[in-house]
Each structure stands twice: as C-alpha cells, then as structure tokens.
Amino acid sequence: MATRDTIVIGASAGGVQALLKLVADLPANLPAAVFIVLHVAADVPSLLPSILGRDSKLTVAHARDGESIERGRIYVAPPDHHLLIEDRRVRLVRGPKENLHRPSIDALFRSAARWASPRVIGVVLTGALDDGKVGMRAIKLRGGIAIVQDPSEAPFPSMPRSVMQEIQVDYALPLREIAPTLEMLSHETAASEGSYVMPDEVEIESRIAEQKMEGDELIASVERIGKVSKLTCPDCHGALWEINDEDVLRYRCHVGHAYSAEALSDGQSQMLEVALWSAVRALEEQVVLAKRIMERAKKSQNNLAVRMFEKRAREAEEHSSRLRQLLLSEKKGDVDEPVIHGDD
C-alpha cells in the first residue's frame, strides 16, 4: 500500500527561519521526498540549500530538471523556475509567473496534487499575500493532507490565514510541531489514487504550468475554465479570463500568467507605479527641453517664445512635483506585508 511520501512546502516573507527550524527537525529516515518553494528574487543566487543543509539530517539541494524523485531528499526550487512534479520526476519550468512569483507555491502544489494525489502532504508557512491557497485546495480535492503554520505565531500570517479562510485544513500547528506531524503522517497508508476524481481545472492548470501546450490549445484551455473579463494582465498586458471558481476570485491570461484577486491588485499597483514614474520622467524631460528652447529664444529676443516655453516648463515642473509627492506618500503609507526577495 502507498504511503504519504510526497511533502510540498511553501513559504515567503519570514520563510528562511521557519524552514531552518522545520528542516532541522525532520528525521534522517523520513520515508518521503520533500519539495520546497520559497519566494526569492530571480537575479540573486540562492543559498537556501546550503543554509538548510547545515542542520538537516536529509540531503538538501536545488532540484534538477528531469531527475528521479527519491525519498529522504529535499528538493529546493531554484530562482526564476517553477518547481513541478511530473510522473515521479522533477520538472523545472521557466514558465509564466503565478501570483507574481516564479517559483510559485500554487504551481508546485497543483502538480503534486495531479501526480501524487492522496500521497501528498501540503504545508504553508509564513508569508505575505496568498500564494499556496489554490494549490492547497487542489491537494485537498485529491485526498491529500493540508497543514498550515498557526497564523498567530507566523511572522507574516497572510499566507496560512488565507488557506484557512478558503479550505478546511487538517492541521494548524506551531512551527515546532510541524516536523513531528509530518513524520507521523508519512508512515500512514494513503488511499488509492483512483479514489479521487481529477478536477478539470487541476488538470488544465497543471498542463499550462508545464508549458507543453501550443498557443491555440492554451487559449482554448483557458476559455474552458473561465470567461474573458475587462481586465488586463499586469505582466504581458493581454486579456484576463476570470476563472470559473465559486470559492476563489482569480484570473489567468492566455499566455499562462495566473493571479488571485489580491495578487492581481498588487500587480496592478506595481504597473501603475511604473506608469507614474514614467510620467514623472517625461515631465522632467519636458522641463529640460523647454528651458533649452527658452535659452535659444532669449538670444534671438523672441519674447513670445520665451513666455510660452517658460509657462510650459513651469506647468511641467508643477505636475512632476505633484506626481513625485504622490508616489513618495504612497510608499511611506504602504502597510502591506513585504514579500521576501532573497534568502536572508
């Protein structure tokens, strides 16, 4: 009989310390493979395997595309790649971001639910926003176990709390109790894989993450699970489809980017900030050009041109100043929990 031999863990802000504790507490004879996604910056080398490996009784390493999955090993998602499970092998895909992240927790959890079904144990630790919520629901739909770090002790409780708000988790535990619980559950017999139906959206969205579809098939697949909205994708600026999901408001574009409503709002805010800073730059360039024209006009004693471009420079300076003050005040008043951008 199969046991619960696949453990998938997701973390974001505050996640390094949480993972250090959890991994150090896992036993050397753990009869399961462990997969970890931590939100990290794409352009910063990840030191997470060496950091976790210092106190781990298990082998810890960055996952390698195509390698066979072995029990007693910890596979860490490398920067800028989704970590996926596919038919007892590891897949690394540099596909579209999900919830503004690559690697994405949802992408890992969904692939685990698809291929390992009741053998999966999902764990969501400290983190901002809500990556992992939809993936954890897929795990539950396929008969897996859902564990979250107790939000009351998590440095950034948004991720575990968002999971608890949407699904009935099996365990909400202090960090110190998660590893012993994983050890206990990993020895349990899991139900047969045929006991749980594969939901269409789990199958389709897993295949989208794998990036094995041609363009026409990808568009048709997104249309099967959603309806086109009036919103645009912050990453590629294409149309977004609102997924047919009664429980979670979420979106996908035909390229493959995916967003919860909260992540989409965050992405739109980032896109708006970029646009506003571009406007500041354009206005300040207009000031420079207007003043240069004024200098030439003064030399030729063209008073009409001097007055016109003096007014244009003054107005551009005023608009630029107001936009800059708005942007700086928004930054100062931002109380959202930050998402971790590195292994520190």
Protein backbone atom coordinates (compact mmCIF):
# COMPACT_ATOMS: atom_id res chain seq x y z
CA MET A 1 0.00 0.00 0.00
CA ALA A 2 1.18 3.53 -0.81
CA THR A 3 2.11 5.89 2.00
CA ARG A 4 2.11 9.68 2.17
CA ASP A 5 5.52 10.00 0.56
CA THR A 6 5.32 13.47 -1.03
CA ILE A 7 5.66 16.59 1.13
CA VAL A 8 5.36 20.01 -0.52
CA ILE A 9 6.17 23.17 1.45
CA GLY A 10 5.64 26.82 0.54
CA ALA A 11 6.93 29.93 2.31
CA SER A 12 7.51 33.60 1.61
CA ALA A 13 8.30 36.50 3.95
CA GLY A 14 9.93 35.20 7.14
CA GLY A 15 10.29 31.80 5.49
CA VAL A 16 14.02 31.20 5.85
CA GLN A 17 13.93 30.99 9.63
CA ALA A 18 10.76 28.90 9.56
CA LEU A 19 12.28 26.47 7.06
CA LEU A 20 15.50 26.24 9.08
CA LYS A 21 13.54 25.07 12.11
CA LEU A 22 11.27 22.70 10.21
CA VAL A 23 14.00 21.05 8.13
CA ALA A 24 16.33 20.64 11.11
CA ASP A 25 13.57 18.74 12.96
CA LEU A 26 12.90 16.24 10.16
CA PRO A 27 14.33 12.76 10.90
CA ALA A 28 17.06 11.14 8.83
CA ASN A 29 14.82 8.16 7.99
CA LEU A 30 11.87 10.22 6.73
CA PRO A 31 10.09 7.97 4.17
CA ALA A 32 9.10 10.87 1.92
CA ALA A 33 10.51 13.31 -0.59
CA VAL A 34 10.28 16.98 0.39
CA PHE A 35 9.82 19.83 -2.09
CA ILE A 36 10.30 23.47 -1.06
CA VAL A 37 9.30 26.70 -2.76
CA LEU A 38 10.47 29.95 -1.18
CA HIS A 39 9.76 33.22 -2.94
CA VAL A 40 13.18 34.53 -3.97
CA ALA A 41 14.40 37.21 -6.35
CA ALA A 42 15.13 35.98 -9.87
CA ASP A 43 18.50 37.72 -10.16
CA VAL A 44 20.03 36.72 -6.80
CA PRO A 45 21.89 33.40 -6.38
CA SER A 46 20.01 31.21 -3.91
CA LEU A 47 21.96 29.96 -0.92
CA LEU A 48 18.95 28.24 0.57
CA PRO A 49 20.11 24.60 0.08
CA SER A 50 23.43 25.26 1.82
CA ILE A 51 21.69 27.22 4.59
CA LEU A 52 19.13 24.47 5.23
CA GLY A 53 21.72 21.73 4.79
CA ARG A 54 23.81 22.90 7.76
CA ASP A 55 21.41 21.38 10.31
CA SER A 56 19.45 18.98 8.12
CA LYS A 57 19.68 15.22 8.56
CA LEU A 58 18.44 14.88 4.96
CA THR A 59 20.24 15.74 1.72
CA VAL A 60 19.25 19.23 0.57
CA ALA A 61 19.89 20.52 -2.95
CA HIS A 62 18.44 22.61 -5.73
CA ALA A 63 16.18 20.48 -7.87
CA ARG A 64 17.48 19.45 -11.30
CA ASP A 65 15.17 19.13 -14.27
CA GLY A 66 14.35 15.52 -15.09
CA GLU A 67 15.92 13.89 -12.02
CA SER A 68 14.13 10.97 -10.40
CA ILE A 69 12.36 11.63 -7.11
CA GLU A 70 13.88 9.84 -4.13
CA ARG A 71 12.59 9.56 -0.60
CA GLY A 72 14.72 11.13 2.10
CA ARG A 73 15.79 14.07 -0.07
CA ILE A 74 14.82 17.74 -0.02
CA TYR A 75 14.37 19.43 -3.40
CA VAL A 76 14.56 23.24 -3.36
CA ALA A 77 13.17 25.36 -6.20
CA PRO A 78 15.98 27.37 -7.84
CA PRO A 79 15.40 31.07 -8.53
CA ASP A 80 13.27 32.03 -11.52
CA HIS A 81 11.98 28.48 -12.14
CA HIS A 82 8.74 26.76 -11.22
CA LEU A 83 9.37 23.50 -9.40
CA LEU A 84 6.92 20.84 -10.58
CA ILE A 85 6.32 17.14 -10.04
CA GLU A 86 5.61 15.03 -13.10
CA ASP A 87 5.23 11.27 -13.01
CA ARG A 88 7.86 10.59 -10.30
CA ARG A 89 10.31 13.06 -11.80
CA VAL A 90 11.22 16.68 -11.11
CA ARG A 91 10.41 19.33 -13.67
CA LEU A 92 11.87 22.84 -13.74
CA VAL A 93 10.00 25.25 -16.00
CA ARG A 94 10.68 28.90 -16.61
CA GLY A 95 7.03 29.46 -17.44
CA PRO A 96 4.75 32.45 -16.77
CA LYS A 97 4.61 33.72 -13.21
CA GLU A 98 1.74 32.78 -10.91
CA ASN A 99 0.68 35.30 -8.28
CA LEU A 100 3.61 37.46 -9.43
CA HIS A 101 6.10 34.73 -8.49
CA ARG A 102 8.38 32.25 -10.19
CA PRO A 103 8.79 29.83 -8.44
CA SER A 104 5.15 29.66 -7.41
CA ILE A 105 3.77 27.68 -4.49
CA ASP A 106 0.47 27.10 -6.27
CA ALA A 107 2.26 25.61 -9.29
CA LEU A 108 4.16 23.10 -7.13
CA PHE A 109 1.14 22.14 -5.02
CA ARG A 110 -1.11 21.70 -8.06
CA SER A 111 1.40 19.45 -9.82
CA ALA A 112 1.77 17.36 -6.65
CA ALA A 113 -2.00 17.00 -6.39
CA ARG A 114 -2.17 15.91 -10.02
CA TRP A 115 0.55 13.26 -9.91
CA ALA A 116 0.67 12.09 -6.28
CA SER A 117 -2.94 12.75 -5.21
CA PRO A 118 -3.66 11.18 -1.74
CA ARG A 119 0.06 10.67 -1.09
CA VAL A 120 0.61 14.45 -0.79
CA ILE A 121 1.03 16.48 2.37
CA GLY A 122 0.94 20.23 1.75
CA VAL A 123 2.45 22.75 4.17
CA VAL A 124 2.03 26.54 4.01
CA LEU A 125 4.30 28.58 6.28
CA THR A 126 4.69 32.28 6.99
CA GLY A 127 4.28 34.64 4.05
CA ALA A 128 2.53 37.65 2.57
CA LEU A 129 -0.45 37.67 0.20
CA ASP A 130 -1.99 34.29 -0.69
CA ASP A 131 0.20 32.11 -2.94
CA GLY A 132 -0.48 28.48 -2.00
CA LYS A 133 -4.20 28.85 -1.35
CA VAL A 134 -5.43 27.47 -4.67
CA GLY A 135 -2.72 24.82 -4.76
CA MET A 136 -3.62 23.61 -1.28
CA ARG A 137 -7.26 23.31 -2.31
CA ALA A 138 -6.15 21.08 -5.21
CA ILE A 139 -4.29 18.88 -2.72
CA LYS A 140 -7.43 18.54 -0.59
CA LEU A 141 -9.62 17.78 -3.61
CA ARG A 142 -7.26 14.93 -4.50
CA GLY A 143 -7.31 13.43 -1.00
CA GLY A 144 -4.11 14.95 0.38
CA ILE A 145 -3.41 16.49 3.79
CA ALA A 146 -3.33 20.26 4.43
CA ILE A 147 -1.10 21.75 7.14
CA VAL A 148 -0.54 25.44 7.87
CA GLN A 149 1.66 27.22 10.36
CA ASP A 150 -0.50 28.69 13.11
CA PRO A 151 -1.12 32.27 11.89
CA SER A 152 -0.96 33.57 15.46
CA GLU A 153 2.76 32.71 15.61
CA ALA A 154 3.73 33.30 11.98
CA PRO A 155 5.80 36.49 11.44
CA PHE A 156 3.69 37.12 8.31
CA PRO A 157 0.34 35.36 8.76
CA SER A 158 -1.35 36.23 5.44
CA MET A 159 -0.49 33.02 3.57
CA PRO A 160 -1.53 30.48 6.22
CA ARG A 161 -4.56 32.55 7.13
CA SER A 162 -5.75 32.78 3.51
CA VAL A 163 -5.56 28.98 3.23
CA MET A 164 -7.61 28.57 6.40
CA GLN A 165 -10.23 31.01 5.14
CA GLU A 166 -10.86 29.02 1.97
CA ILE A 167 -10.48 25.36 2.94
CA GLN A 168 -10.83 23.09 5.94
CA VAL A 169 -7.20 22.41 6.86
CA ASP A 170 -6.27 19.23 8.69
CA TYR A 171 -3.73 20.86 11.00
CA ALA A 172 -2.92 24.45 12.05
CA LEU A 173 0.24 23.99 14.11
CA PRO A 174 3.01 25.90 15.83
CA LEU A 175 6.20 25.56 13.84
CA ARG A 176 7.80 23.22 16.38
CA GLU A 177 5.00 20.66 15.90
CA ILE A 178 5.02 20.51 12.10
CA ALA A 179 8.05 18.23 11.59
CA PRO A 180 6.86 15.58 14.10
CA THR A 181 3.44 15.65 12.45
CA LEU A 182 4.99 15.19 9.01
CA GLU A 183 6.97 12.21 10.29
CA MET A 184 3.82 10.64 11.71
CA LEU A 185 1.74 11.25 8.58
CA SER A 186 4.46 9.99 6.23
CA HIS A 187 4.09 6.49 7.70
CA GLU A 188 0.33 6.41 7.16
CA THR A 189 -1.23 4.44 4.33
CA ALA A 190 -2.73 6.68 1.67
CA ALA A 191 -5.91 5.96 -0.25
CA SER A 192 -5.58 4.65 -3.79
CA GLU A 193 -5.08 7.30 -6.46
CA GLY A 194 -8.30 6.28 -8.19
CA SER A 195 -10.33 7.21 -5.13
CA TYR A 196 -10.41 10.89 -6.05
CA VAL A 197 -11.56 12.42 -9.32
CA MET A 198 -9.16 14.73 -11.15
CA PRO A 199 -10.92 18.11 -11.39
CA ASP A 200 -10.73 19.67 -14.86
CA GLU A 201 -9.15 22.88 -13.58
CA VAL A 202 -6.36 21.00 -11.78
CA GLU A 203 -5.52 19.02 -14.92
CA ILE A 204 -5.70 22.03 -17.23
CA GLU A 205 -3.81 24.46 -14.98
CA SER A 206 -1.12 21.86 -14.31
CA ARG A 207 -0.60 21.44 -18.05
CA ILE A 208 -0.48 25.22 -18.50
CA ALA A 209 2.30 25.43 -15.90
CA GLU A 210 4.22 22.68 -17.69
CA GLN A 211 4.18 24.84 -20.86
CA LYS A 212 3.67 21.88 -23.16
CA MET A 213 0.67 23.38 -24.97
CA GLU A 214 0.72 25.15 -28.30
CA GLY A 215 -0.78 28.65 -28.42
CA ASP A 216 -4.20 27.64 -29.77
CA GLU A 217 -4.59 24.82 -27.26
CA LEU A 218 -3.53 27.10 -24.39
CA ILE A 219 -6.12 29.72 -25.31
CA ALA A 220 -8.82 27.07 -25.71
CA SER A 221 -7.88 25.58 -22.32
CA VAL A 222 -8.14 28.94 -20.54
CA GLU A 223 -11.52 29.53 -22.19
CA ARG A 224 -12.73 26.15 -20.91
CA ILE A 225 -12.18 27.13 -17.30
CA GLY A 226 -13.09 30.82 -17.39
CA LYS A 227 -14.72 33.72 -19.14
CA VAL A 228 -12.99 36.76 -20.57
CA SER A 229 -13.01 39.80 -18.27
CA LYS A 230 -12.48 43.51 -18.82
CA LEU A 231 -9.12 43.37 -17.03
CA THR A 232 -5.62 43.09 -18.46
CA CYS A 233 -2.59 41.11 -17.32
CA PRO A 234 0.00 43.22 -15.44
CA ASP A 235 2.82 41.06 -16.83
CA CYS A 236 2.01 40.78 -20.55
CA HIS A 237 -0.90 43.27 -20.87
CA GLY A 238 -3.10 40.69 -22.60
CA ALA A 239 -6.73 39.95 -21.76
CA LEU A 240 -7.50 38.17 -18.49
CA TRP A 241 -10.04 35.39 -18.08
CA GLU A 242 -11.93 35.17 -14.79
CA ILE A 243 -11.71 31.53 -13.71
CA ASN A 244 -15.00 29.72 -13.05
CA ASP A 245 -14.33 29.31 -9.34
CA GLU A 246 -17.13 29.76 -6.84
CA ASP A 247 -14.76 29.91 -3.88
CA VAL A 248 -11.78 31.99 -5.02
CA LEU A 249 -11.81 35.04 -7.30
CA ARG A 250 -8.85 34.53 -9.63
CA TYR A 251 -7.67 35.18 -13.17
CA ARG A 252 -5.48 33.82 -15.98
CA CYS A 253 -4.26 35.22 -19.27
CA HIS A 254 -3.85 33.19 -22.47
CA VAL A 255 -0.05 33.27 -22.04
CA GLY A 256 -0.34 31.48 -18.68
CA HIS A 257 0.12 34.16 -16.02
CA ALA A 258 -2.18 33.48 -13.07
CA TYR A 259 -3.41 35.70 -10.25
CA SER A 260 -5.55 35.58 -7.19
CA ALA A 261 -7.61 38.76 -6.85
CA GLU A 262 -5.19 40.01 -4.19
CA ALA A 263 -2.12 39.29 -6.32
CA LEU A 264 -3.77 40.94 -9.33
CA SER A 265 -4.47 44.07 -7.30
CA ASP A 266 -0.84 44.10 -6.19
CA GLY A 267 0.32 43.64 -9.77
CA GLN A 268 -1.89 46.47 -10.98
CA SER A 269 -0.44 48.72 -8.28
CA GLN A 270 3.08 47.90 -9.44
CA MET A 271 2.09 48.54 -13.07
CA LEU A 272 0.52 51.88 -12.11
CA GLU A 273 3.65 52.89 -10.18
CA VAL A 274 5.82 52.17 -13.22
CA ALA A 275 3.49 54.25 -15.39
CA LEU A 276 3.51 57.15 -12.94
CA TRP A 277 7.31 57.18 -12.65
CA SER A 278 7.46 57.15 -16.45
CA ALA A 279 5.17 60.18 -16.43
CA VAL A 280 7.49 61.94 -13.94
CA ARG A 281 10.46 61.22 -16.21
CA ALA A 282 8.61 62.53 -19.29
CA LEU A 283 7.58 65.72 -17.47
CA GLU A 284 11.10 66.37 -16.21
CA GLU A 285 12.46 65.88 -19.72
CA GLN A 286 9.85 68.34 -20.92
CA VAL A 287 11.16 70.88 -18.39
CA VAL A 288 14.74 70.40 -19.61
CA LEU A 289 13.72 70.80 -23.25
CA ALA A 290 11.51 73.84 -22.57
CA LYS A 291 14.33 75.60 -20.72
CA ARG A 292 16.75 74.85 -23.55
CA ILE A 293 14.31 76.36 -26.04
CA MET A 294 13.91 79.39 -23.76
CA GLU A 295 17.67 79.97 -23.81
CA ARG A 296 17.71 80.00 -27.59
CA ALA A 297 14.64 82.24 -27.72
CA LYS A 298 16.23 84.78 -25.36
CA LYS A 299 19.32 85.01 -27.57
CA SER A 300 17.15 85.75 -30.60
CA GLN A 301 14.95 88.09 -28.49
CA ASN A 302 11.82 86.07 -29.32
CA ASN A 303 9.85 87.18 -26.27
CA LEU A 304 6.67 85.34 -27.30
CA ALA A 305 8.51 82.01 -27.41
CA VAL A 306 10.24 82.80 -24.10
CA ARG A 307 6.91 83.37 -22.36
CA MET A 308 5.28 80.30 -23.94
CA PHE A 309 8.05 77.87 -23.00
CA GLU A 310 8.55 79.45 -19.60
CA LYS A 311 4.89 78.68 -18.88
CA ARG A 312 5.27 75.16 -20.28
CA ALA A 313 8.34 74.50 -18.10
CA ARG A 314 6.58 75.84 -15.00
CA GLU A 315 3.48 73.69 -15.56
CA ALA A 316 5.56 70.57 -16.23
CA GLU A 317 7.55 71.18 -13.03
CA GLU A 318 4.34 71.54 -11.03
CA HIS A 319 2.85 68.33 -12.46
CA SER A 320 6.09 66.45 -11.92
CA SER A 321 6.33 67.65 -8.33
CA ARG A 322 2.75 66.60 -7.56
CA LEU A 323 3.23 63.14 -9.06
CA ARG A 324 6.51 62.63 -7.22
CA GLN A 325 4.91 63.67 -3.89
CA LEU A 326 2.01 61.29 -4.57
CA LEU A 327 4.35 58.39 -5.29
CA LEU A 328 6.51 59.07 -2.25
CA SER A 329 3.50 59.42 0.04
CA GLU A 330 2.11 56.10 -1.24
CA LYS A 331 5.41 54.40 -0.45
CA LYS A 332 5.56 55.95 3.00
CA GLY A 333 1.99 54.92 3.79
CA ASP A 334 2.32 51.37 2.45
CA VAL A 335 1.47 48.95 5.25
CA ASP A 336 1.30 45.76 3.19
CA GLU A 337 3.48 42.92 4.34
CA PRO A 338 6.61 42.71 2.20
CA VAL A 339 7.35 39.64 0.13
CA ILE A 340 10.81 38.21 0.65
CA HIS A 341 13.26 38.97 -2.15
CA GLY A 342 16.16 36.76 -1.16
CA ASP A 343 17.46 34.09 1.14
CA ASP A 344 18.01 36.38 4.09
